[in-house]
PDB file of N, CA and C in Angstrom:
ATOM      1  N   VAL A   1      55.059 -59.626   3.212  1.00  0.00           N
ATOM      2  CA  VAL A   1      54.365 -58.633   2.410  1.00  0.00           C
ATOM      3  C   VAL A   1      53.918 -59.301   1.117  1.00  0.00           C
ATOM      4  N   ARG A   2      52.641 -59.144   0.791  1.00  0.00           N
ATOM      5  CA  ARG A   2      52.126 -59.666  -0.472  1.00  0.00           C
ATOM      6  C   ARG A   2      51.916 -58.476  -1.404  1.00  0.00           C
ATOM      7  N   GLY A   3      52.410 -58.588  -2.632  1.00  0.00           N
ATOM      8  CA  GLY A   3      52.237 -57.495  -3.563  1.00  0.00           C
ATOM      9  C   GLY A   3      52.677 -57.845  -4.967  1.00  0.00           C
ATOM     10  N   GLU A   4      52.471 -56.899  -5.857  1.00  0.00           N
ATOM     11  CA  GLU A   4      52.848 -57.038  -7.265  1.00  0.00           C
ATOM     12  C   GLU A   4      54.206 -56.379  -7.485  1.00  0.00           C
ATOM     13  N   VAL A   5      55.083 -57.077  -8.178  1.00  0.00           N
ATOM     14  CA  VAL A   5      56.412 -56.544  -8.491  1.00  0.00           C
ATOM     15  C   VAL A   5      56.256 -55.392  -9.483  1.00  0.00           C
ATOM     16  N   THR A   6      56.861 -54.261  -9.158  1.00  0.00           N
ATOM     17  CA  THR A   6      56.798 -53.097 -10.032  1.00  0.00           C
ATOM     18  C   THR A   6      58.178 -52.437 -10.114  1.00  0.00           C
ATOM     19  N   GLY A   7      58.512 -51.918 -11.281  1.00  0.00           N
ATOM     20  CA  GLY A   7      59.798 -51.254 -11.465  1.00  0.00           C
ATOM     21  C   GLY A   7      60.971 -52.217 -11.522  1.00  0.00           C
ATOM     22  N   TYR A   8      60.700 -53.480 -11.823  1.00  0.00           N
ATOM     23  CA  TYR A   8      61.763 -54.496 -11.855  1.00  0.00           C
ATOM     24  C   TYR A   8      62.572 -54.375 -13.144  1.00  0.00           C
ATOM     25  N   ARG A   9      63.897 -54.318 -12.997  1.00  0.00           N
ATOM     26  CA  ARG A   9      64.770 -54.217 -14.169  1.00  0.00           C
ATOM     27  C   ARG A   9      65.865 -55.277 -14.139  1.00  0.00           C
ATOM     28  N   GLY A  10      65.690 -56.308 -13.326  1.00  0.00           N
ATOM     29  CA  GLY A  10      66.723 -57.332 -13.232  1.00  0.00           C
ATOM     30  C   GLY A  10      67.786 -56.927 -12.243  1.00  0.00           C
ATOM     31  N   PRO A  11      68.729 -57.818 -11.982  1.00  0.00           N
ATOM     32  CA  PRO A  11      69.757 -57.497 -10.999  1.00  0.00           C
ATOM     33  C   PRO A  11      70.654 -56.349 -11.462  1.00  0.00           C
ATOM     34  N   HIS A  12      71.042 -55.515 -10.523  1.00  0.00           N
ATOM     35  CA  HIS A  12      71.973 -54.408 -10.737  1.00  0.00           C
ATOM     36  C   HIS A  12      73.361 -54.992 -10.996  1.00  0.00           C
ATOM     37  N   SER A  13      74.280 -54.193 -11.477  1.00  0.00           N
ATOM     38  CA  SER A  13      75.647 -54.671 -11.726  1.00  0.00           C
ATOM     39  C   SER A  13      76.303 -55.211 -10.454  1.00  0.00           C
ATOM     40  N   SER A  14      75.819 -54.778  -9.295  1.00  0.00           N
ATOM     41  CA  SER A  14      76.322 -55.263  -8.004  1.00  0.00           C
ATOM     42  C   SER A  14      75.827 -56.672  -7.690  1.00  0.00           C
ATOM     43  N   GLY A  15      74.799 -57.121  -8.435  1.00  0.00           N
ATOM     44  CA  GLY A  15      74.176 -58.410  -8.149  1.00  0.00           C
ATOM     45  C   GLY A  15      72.942 -58.278  -7.271  1.00  0.00           C
ATOM     46  N   HIS A  16      72.757 -57.091  -6.672  1.00  0.00           N
ATOM     47  CA  HIS A  16      71.575 -56.843  -5.858  1.00  0.00           C
ATOM     48  C   HIS A  16      70.396 -56.535  -6.785  1.00  0.00           C
ATOM     49  N   CYS A  17      69.192 -56.703  -6.272  1.00  0.00           N
ATOM     50  CA  CYS A  17      67.991 -56.499  -7.076  1.00  0.00           C
ATOM     51  C   CYS A  17      67.084 -55.496  -6.361  1.00  0.00           C
ATOM     52  N   TYR A  18      66.679 -54.453  -7.069  1.00  0.00           N
ATOM     53  CA  TYR A  18      65.849 -53.398  -6.499  1.00  0.00           C
ATOM     54  C   TYR A  18      64.549 -53.290  -7.285  1.00  0.00           C
ATOM     55  N   PHE A  19      63.426 -53.168  -6.581  1.00  0.00           N
ATOM     56  CA  PHE A  19      62.124 -52.998  -7.227  1.00  0.00           C
ATOM     57  C   PHE A  19      61.128 -52.544  -6.172  1.00  0.00           C
ATOM     58  N   GLY A  20      59.866 -52.461  -6.531  1.00  0.00           N
ATOM     59  CA  GLY A  20      58.820 -52.106  -5.583  1.00  0.00           C
ATOM     60  C   GLY A  20      57.817 -53.235  -5.473  1.00  0.00           C
ATOM     61  N   LEU A  21      57.078 -53.235  -4.380  1.00  0.00           N
ATOM     62  CA  LEU A  21      55.942 -54.134  -4.192  1.00  0.00           C
ATOM     63  C   LEU A  21      54.725 -53.250  -3.980  1.00  0.00           C
ATOM     64  N   LYS A  22      53.651 -53.516  -4.721  1.00  0.00           N
ATOM     65  CA  LYS A  22      52.474 -52.658  -4.600  1.00  0.00           C
ATOM     66  C   LYS A  22      51.204 -53.493  -4.547  1.00  0.00           C
ATOM     67  N   ASP A  23      50.169 -52.873  -3.969  1.00  0.00           N
ATOM     68  CA  ASP A  23      48.817 -53.390  -4.072  1.00  0.00           C
ATOM     69  C   ASP A  23      47.947 -52.208  -4.465  1.00  0.00           C
ATOM     70  N   ASP A  24      46.653 -52.338  -4.327  1.00  0.00           N
ATOM     71  CA  ASP A  24      45.784 -51.259  -4.785  1.00  0.00           C
ATOM     72  C   ASP A  24      45.810 -50.026  -3.878  1.00  0.00           C
ATOM     73  N   LYS A  25      46.463 -50.131  -2.696  1.00  0.00           N
ATOM     74  CA  LYS A  25      46.464 -49.002  -1.770  1.00  0.00           C
ATOM     75  C   LYS A  25      47.839 -48.449  -1.421  1.00  0.00           C
ATOM     76  N   ALA A  26      48.890 -49.207  -1.672  1.00  0.00           N
ATOM     77  CA  ALA A  26      50.215 -48.768  -1.212  1.00  0.00           C
ATOM     78  C   ALA A  26      51.330 -49.352  -2.070  1.00  0.00           C
ATOM     79  N   ARG A  27      52.539 -48.775  -1.903  1.00  0.00           N
ATOM     80  CA  ARG A  27      53.741 -49.256  -2.592  1.00  0.00           C
ATOM     81  C   ARG A  27      54.900 -49.190  -1.607  1.00  0.00           C
ATOM     82  N   MET A  28      55.776 -50.198  -1.650  1.00  0.00           N
ATOM     83  CA  MET A  28      56.945 -50.243  -0.774  1.00  0.00           C
ATOM     84  C   MET A  28      58.165 -50.619  -1.598  1.00  0.00           C
ATOM     85  N   ASP A  29      59.290 -49.946  -1.337  1.00  0.00           N
ATOM     86  CA  ASP A  29      60.543 -50.317  -1.984  1.00  0.00           C
ATOM     87  C   ASP A  29      61.019 -51.654  -1.433  1.00  0.00           C
ATOM     88  N   ALA A  30      61.709 -52.412  -2.278  1.00  0.00           N
ATOM     89  CA  ALA A  30      62.220 -53.726  -1.884  1.00  0.00           C
ATOM     90  C   ALA A  30      63.621 -53.921  -2.445  1.00  0.00           C
ATOM     91  N   VAL A  31      64.436 -54.674  -1.712  1.00  0.00           N
ATOM     92  CA  VAL A  31      65.779 -55.020  -2.173  1.00  0.00           C
ATOM     93  C   VAL A  31      66.028 -56.483  -1.839  1.00  0.00           C
ATOM     94  N   ILE A  32      66.710 -57.163  -2.742  1.00  0.00           N
ATOM     95  CA  ILE A  32      67.193 -58.521  -2.490  1.00  0.00           C
ATOM     96  C   ILE A  32      68.700 -58.476  -2.683  1.00  0.00           C
ATOM     97  N   TRP A  33      69.449 -58.767  -1.628  1.00  0.00           N
ATOM     98  CA  TRP A  33      70.907 -58.761  -1.741  1.00  0.00           C
ATOM     99  C   TRP A  33      71.380 -59.909  -2.618  1.00  0.00           C
ATOM    100  N   ARG A  34      72.514 -59.727  -3.215  1.00  0.00           N
ATOM    101  CA  ARG A  34      73.109 -60.649  -4.192  1.00  0.00           C
ATOM    102  C   ARG A  34      73.093 -62.102  -3.713  1.00  0.00           C
ATOM    103  N   GLY A  35      73.499 -62.365  -2.481  1.00  0.00           N
ATOM    104  CA  GLY A  35      73.560 -63.736  -1.969  1.00  0.00           C
ATOM    105  C   GLY A  35      72.207 -64.412  -1.906  1.00  0.00           C
ATOM    106  N   VAL A  36      71.172 -63.658  -1.558  1.00  0.00           N
ATOM    107  CA  VAL A  36      69.810 -64.199  -1.513  1.00  0.00           C
ATOM    108  C   VAL A  36      69.282 -64.366  -2.932  1.00  0.00           C
ATOM    109  N   PHE A  37      69.515 -63.360  -3.793  1.00  0.00           N
ATOM    110  CA  PHE A  37      69.011 -63.412  -5.169  1.00  0.00           C
ATOM    111  C   PHE A  37      69.541 -64.639  -5.907  1.00  0.00           C
ATOM    112  N   SER A  38      70.807 -64.967  -5.697  1.00  0.00           N
ATOM    113  CA  SER A  38      71.411 -66.102  -6.408  1.00  0.00           C
ATOM    114  C   SER A  38      70.810 -67.440  -5.985  1.00  0.00           C
ATOM    115  N   LYS A  39      70.150 -67.483  -4.822  1.00  0.00           N
ATOM    116  CA  LYS A  39      69.576 -68.733  -4.316  1.00  0.00           C
ATOM    117  C   LYS A  39      68.077 -68.862  -4.564  1.00  0.00           C
ATOM    118  N   LEU A  40      67.453 -67.844  -5.163  1.00  0.00           N
ATOM    119  CA  LEU A  40      66.015 -67.922  -5.431  1.00  0.00           C
ATOM    120  C   LEU A  40      65.709 -69.052  -6.401  1.00  0.00           C
ATOM    121  N   ARG A  41      64.582 -69.737  -6.167  1.00  0.00           N
ATOM    122  CA  ARG A  41      64.155 -70.823  -7.065  1.00  0.00           C
ATOM    123  C   ARG A  41      63.514 -70.281  -8.338  1.00  0.00           C
ATOM    124  N   PHE A  42      63.165 -69.011  -8.348  1.00  0.00           N
ATOM    125  CA  PHE A  42      62.604 -68.353  -9.530  1.00  0.00           C
ATOM    126  C   PHE A  42      63.090 -66.912  -9.513  1.00  0.00           C
ATOM    127  N   LYS A  43      63.012 -66.257 -10.623  1.00  0.00           N
ATOM    128  CA  LYS A  43      63.416 -64.850 -10.702  1.00  0.00           C
ATOM    129  C   LYS A  43      62.155 -63.991 -10.832  1.00  0.00           C
ATOM    130  N   PRO A  44      62.058 -62.932 -10.045  1.00  0.00           N
ATOM    131  CA  PRO A  44      60.878 -62.071 -10.131  1.00  0.00           C
ATOM    132  C   PRO A  44      60.776 -61.413 -11.502  1.00  0.00           C
ATOM    133  N   GLU A  45      59.545 -61.112 -11.890  1.00  0.00           N
ATOM    134  CA  GLU A  45      59.279 -60.431 -13.159  1.00  0.00           C
ATOM    135  C   GLU A  45      58.288 -59.306 -12.914  1.00  0.00           C
ATOM    136  N   GLU A  46      58.344 -58.290 -13.749  1.00  0.00           N
ATOM    137  CA  GLU A  46      57.414 -57.168 -13.675  1.00  0.00           C
ATOM    138  C   GLU A  46      55.977 -57.690 -13.702  1.00  0.00           C
ATOM    139  N   GLY A  47      55.159 -57.230 -12.756  1.00  0.00           N
ATOM    140  CA  GLY A  47      53.749 -57.601 -12.708  1.00  0.00           C
ATOM    141  C   GLY A  47      53.449 -58.895 -11.966  1.00  0.00           C
ATOM    142  N   MET A  48      54.467 -59.639 -11.553  1.00  0.00           N
ATOM    143  CA  MET A  48      54.279 -60.915 -10.852  1.00  0.00           C
ATOM    144  C   MET A  48      53.787 -60.664  -9.426  1.00  0.00           C
ATOM    145  N   GLU A  49      52.807 -61.441  -8.994  1.00  0.00           N
ATOM    146  CA  GLU A  49      52.319 -61.387  -7.619  1.00  0.00           C
ATOM    147  C   GLU A  49      53.218 -62.267  -6.760  1.00  0.00           C
ATOM    148  N   VAL A  50      53.759 -61.716  -5.662  1.00  0.00           N
ATOM    149  CA  VAL A  50      54.694 -62.458  -4.812  1.00  0.00           C
ATOM    150  C   VAL A  50      54.361 -62.263  -3.333  1.00  0.00           C
ATOM    151  N   ILE A  51      54.913 -63.160  -2.518  1.00  0.00           N
ATOM    152  CA  ILE A  51      54.883 -63.018  -1.066  1.00  0.00           C
ATOM    153  C   ILE A  51      56.334 -62.912  -0.623  1.00  0.00           C
ATOM    154  N   ALA A  52      56.673 -61.798  -0.004  1.00  0.00           N
ATOM    155  CA  ALA A  52      58.049 -61.533   0.423  1.00  0.00           C
ATOM    156  C   ALA A  52      58.120 -61.513   1.942  1.00  0.00           C
ATOM    157  N   THR A  53      59.145 -62.159   2.478  1.00  0.00           N
ATOM    158  CA  THR A  53      59.416 -62.055   3.909  1.00  0.00           C
ATOM    159  C   THR A  53      60.829 -61.519   4.082  1.00  0.00           C
ATOM    160  N   GLY A  54      61.030 -60.760   5.133  1.00  0.00           N
ATOM    161  CA  GLY A  54      62.339 -60.173   5.370  1.00  0.00           C
ATOM    162  C   GLY A  54      62.290 -59.173   6.498  1.00  0.00           C
ATOM    163  N   LYS A  55      63.189 -58.205   6.444  1.00  0.00           N
ATOM    164  CA  LYS A  55      63.299 -57.193   7.499  1.00  0.00           C
ATOM    165  C   LYS A  55      62.881 -55.834   6.962  1.00  0.00           C
ATOM    166  N   LEU A  56      62.091 -55.137   7.746  1.00  0.00           N
ATOM    167  CA  LEU A  56      61.692 -53.784   7.405  1.00  0.00           C
ATOM    168  C   LEU A  56      62.780 -52.836   7.898  1.00  0.00           C
ATOM    169  N   THR A  57      63.313 -52.022   6.991  1.00  0.00           N
ATOM    170  CA  THR A  57      64.379 -51.088   7.342  1.00  0.00           C
ATOM    171  C   THR A  57      64.045 -49.710   6.788  1.00  0.00           C
ATOM    172  N   THR A  58      64.809 -48.723   7.208  1.00  0.00           N
ATOM    173  CA  THR A  58      64.712 -47.400   6.600  1.00  0.00           C
ATOM    174  C   THR A  58      65.908 -47.221   5.682  1.00  0.00           C
ATOM    175  N   TYR A  59      65.675 -46.545   4.586  1.00  0.00           N
ATOM    176  CA  TYR A  59      66.750 -46.286   3.639  1.00  0.00           C
ATOM    177  C   TYR A  59      67.556 -45.100   4.148  1.00  0.00           C
ATOM    178  N   PRO A  60      68.877 -45.224   4.294  1.00  0.00           N
ATOM    179  CA  PRO A  60      69.691 -44.113   4.802  1.00  0.00           C
ATOM    180  C   PRO A  60      69.514 -42.846   3.957  1.00  0.00           C
ATOM    181  N   GLY A  61      69.355 -41.735   4.619  1.00  0.00           N
ATOM    182  CA  GLY A  61      69.249 -40.466   3.911  1.00  0.00           C
ATOM    183  C   GLY A  61      67.837 -40.077   3.531  1.00  0.00           C
ATOM    184  N   SER A  62      66.869 -40.938   3.806  1.00  0.00           N
ATOM    185  CA  SER A  62      65.476 -40.583   3.526  1.00  0.00           C
ATOM    186  C   SER A  62      64.596 -41.179   4.614  1.00  0.00           C
ATOM    187  N   SER A  63      63.355 -40.794   4.611  1.00  0.00           N
ATOM    188  CA  SER A  63      62.435 -41.305   5.628  1.00  0.00           C
ATOM    189  C   SER A  63      61.534 -42.394   5.056  1.00  0.00           C
ATOM    190  N   LYS A  64      62.021 -43.119   4.052  1.00  0.00           N
ATOM    191  CA  LYS A  64      61.240 -44.184   3.429  1.00  0.00           C
ATOM    192  C   LYS A  64      61.581 -45.535   4.049  1.00  0.00           C
ATOM    193  N   TYR A  65      60.568 -46.374   4.138  1.00  0.00           N
ATOM    194  CA  TYR A  65      60.785 -47.755   4.556  1.00  0.00           C
ATOM    195  C   TYR A  65      61.041 -48.620   3.336  1.00  0.00           C
ATOM    196  N   GLN A  66      61.782 -49.699   3.543  1.00  0.00           N
ATOM    197  CA  GLN A  66      61.970 -50.698   2.491  1.00  0.00           C
ATOM    198  C   GLN A  66      61.993 -52.064   3.153  1.00  0.00           C
ATOM    199  N   ILE A  67      61.694 -53.098   2.381  1.00  0.00           N
ATOM    200  CA  ILE A  67      61.823 -54.451   2.886  1.00  0.00           C
ATOM    201  C   ILE A  67      63.083 -55.059   2.283  1.00  0.00           C
ATOM    202  N   VAL A  68      63.935 -55.590   3.139  1.00  0.00           N
ATOM    203  CA  VAL A  68      65.109 -56.340   2.695  1.00  0.00           C
ATOM    204  C   VAL A  68      64.657 -57.793   2.658  1.00  0.00           C
ATOM    205  N   ILE A  69      64.446 -58.297   1.456  1.00  0.00           N
ATOM    206  CA  ILE A  69      63.828 -59.612   1.271  1.00  0.00           C
ATOM    207  C   ILE A  69      64.819 -60.728   1.561  1.00  0.00           C
ATOM    208  N   GLU A  70      64.376 -61.663   2.395  1.00  0.00           N
ATOM    209  CA  GLU A  70      65.168 -62.850   2.725  1.00  0.00           C
ATOM    210  C   GLU A  70      64.583 -64.108   2.098  1.00  0.00           C
ATOM    211  N   HIS A  71      63.284 -64.063   1.762  1.00  0.00           N
ATOM    212  CA  HIS A  71      62.615 -65.196   1.119  1.00  0.00           C
ATOM    213  C   HIS A  71      61.511 -64.650   0.229  1.00  0.00           C
ATOM    214  N   LEU A  72      61.357 -65.231  -0.960  1.00  0.00           N
ATOM    215  CA  LEU A  72      60.366 -64.766  -1.927  1.00  0.00           C
ATOM    216  C   LEU A  72      59.654 -65.961  -2.527  1.00  0.00           C
ATOM    217  N   GLU A  73      58.310 -65.917  -2.544  1.00  0.00           N
ATOM    218  CA  GLU A  73      57.492 -66.976  -3.135  1.00  0.00           C
ATOM    219  C   GLU A  73      56.594 -66.383  -4.210  1.00  0.00           C
ATOM    220  N   PRO A  74      56.359 -67.151  -5.284  1.00  0.00           N
ATOM    221  CA  PRO A  74      55.423 -66.660  -6.310  1.00  0.00           C
ATOM    222  C   PRO A  74      53.976 -66.732  -5.826  1.00  0.00           C
TER     223      PRO A  74
END
């Protein structure tokens, strides 16, 4: 998924990182688990354009999709 980082506030106290990826037509929730986040060569920032690869999942309790990011490139 290619998109702009939105709603980024840095890693949560759990070490996981939650934000959105958007383009001019859509927005998708994204999560990076603590183990993956600690190995990133760069840290995402608000407004940064990125390419994310991972698994598309549904968030429990809602009908929203999210990407569980396994690799992130600027």
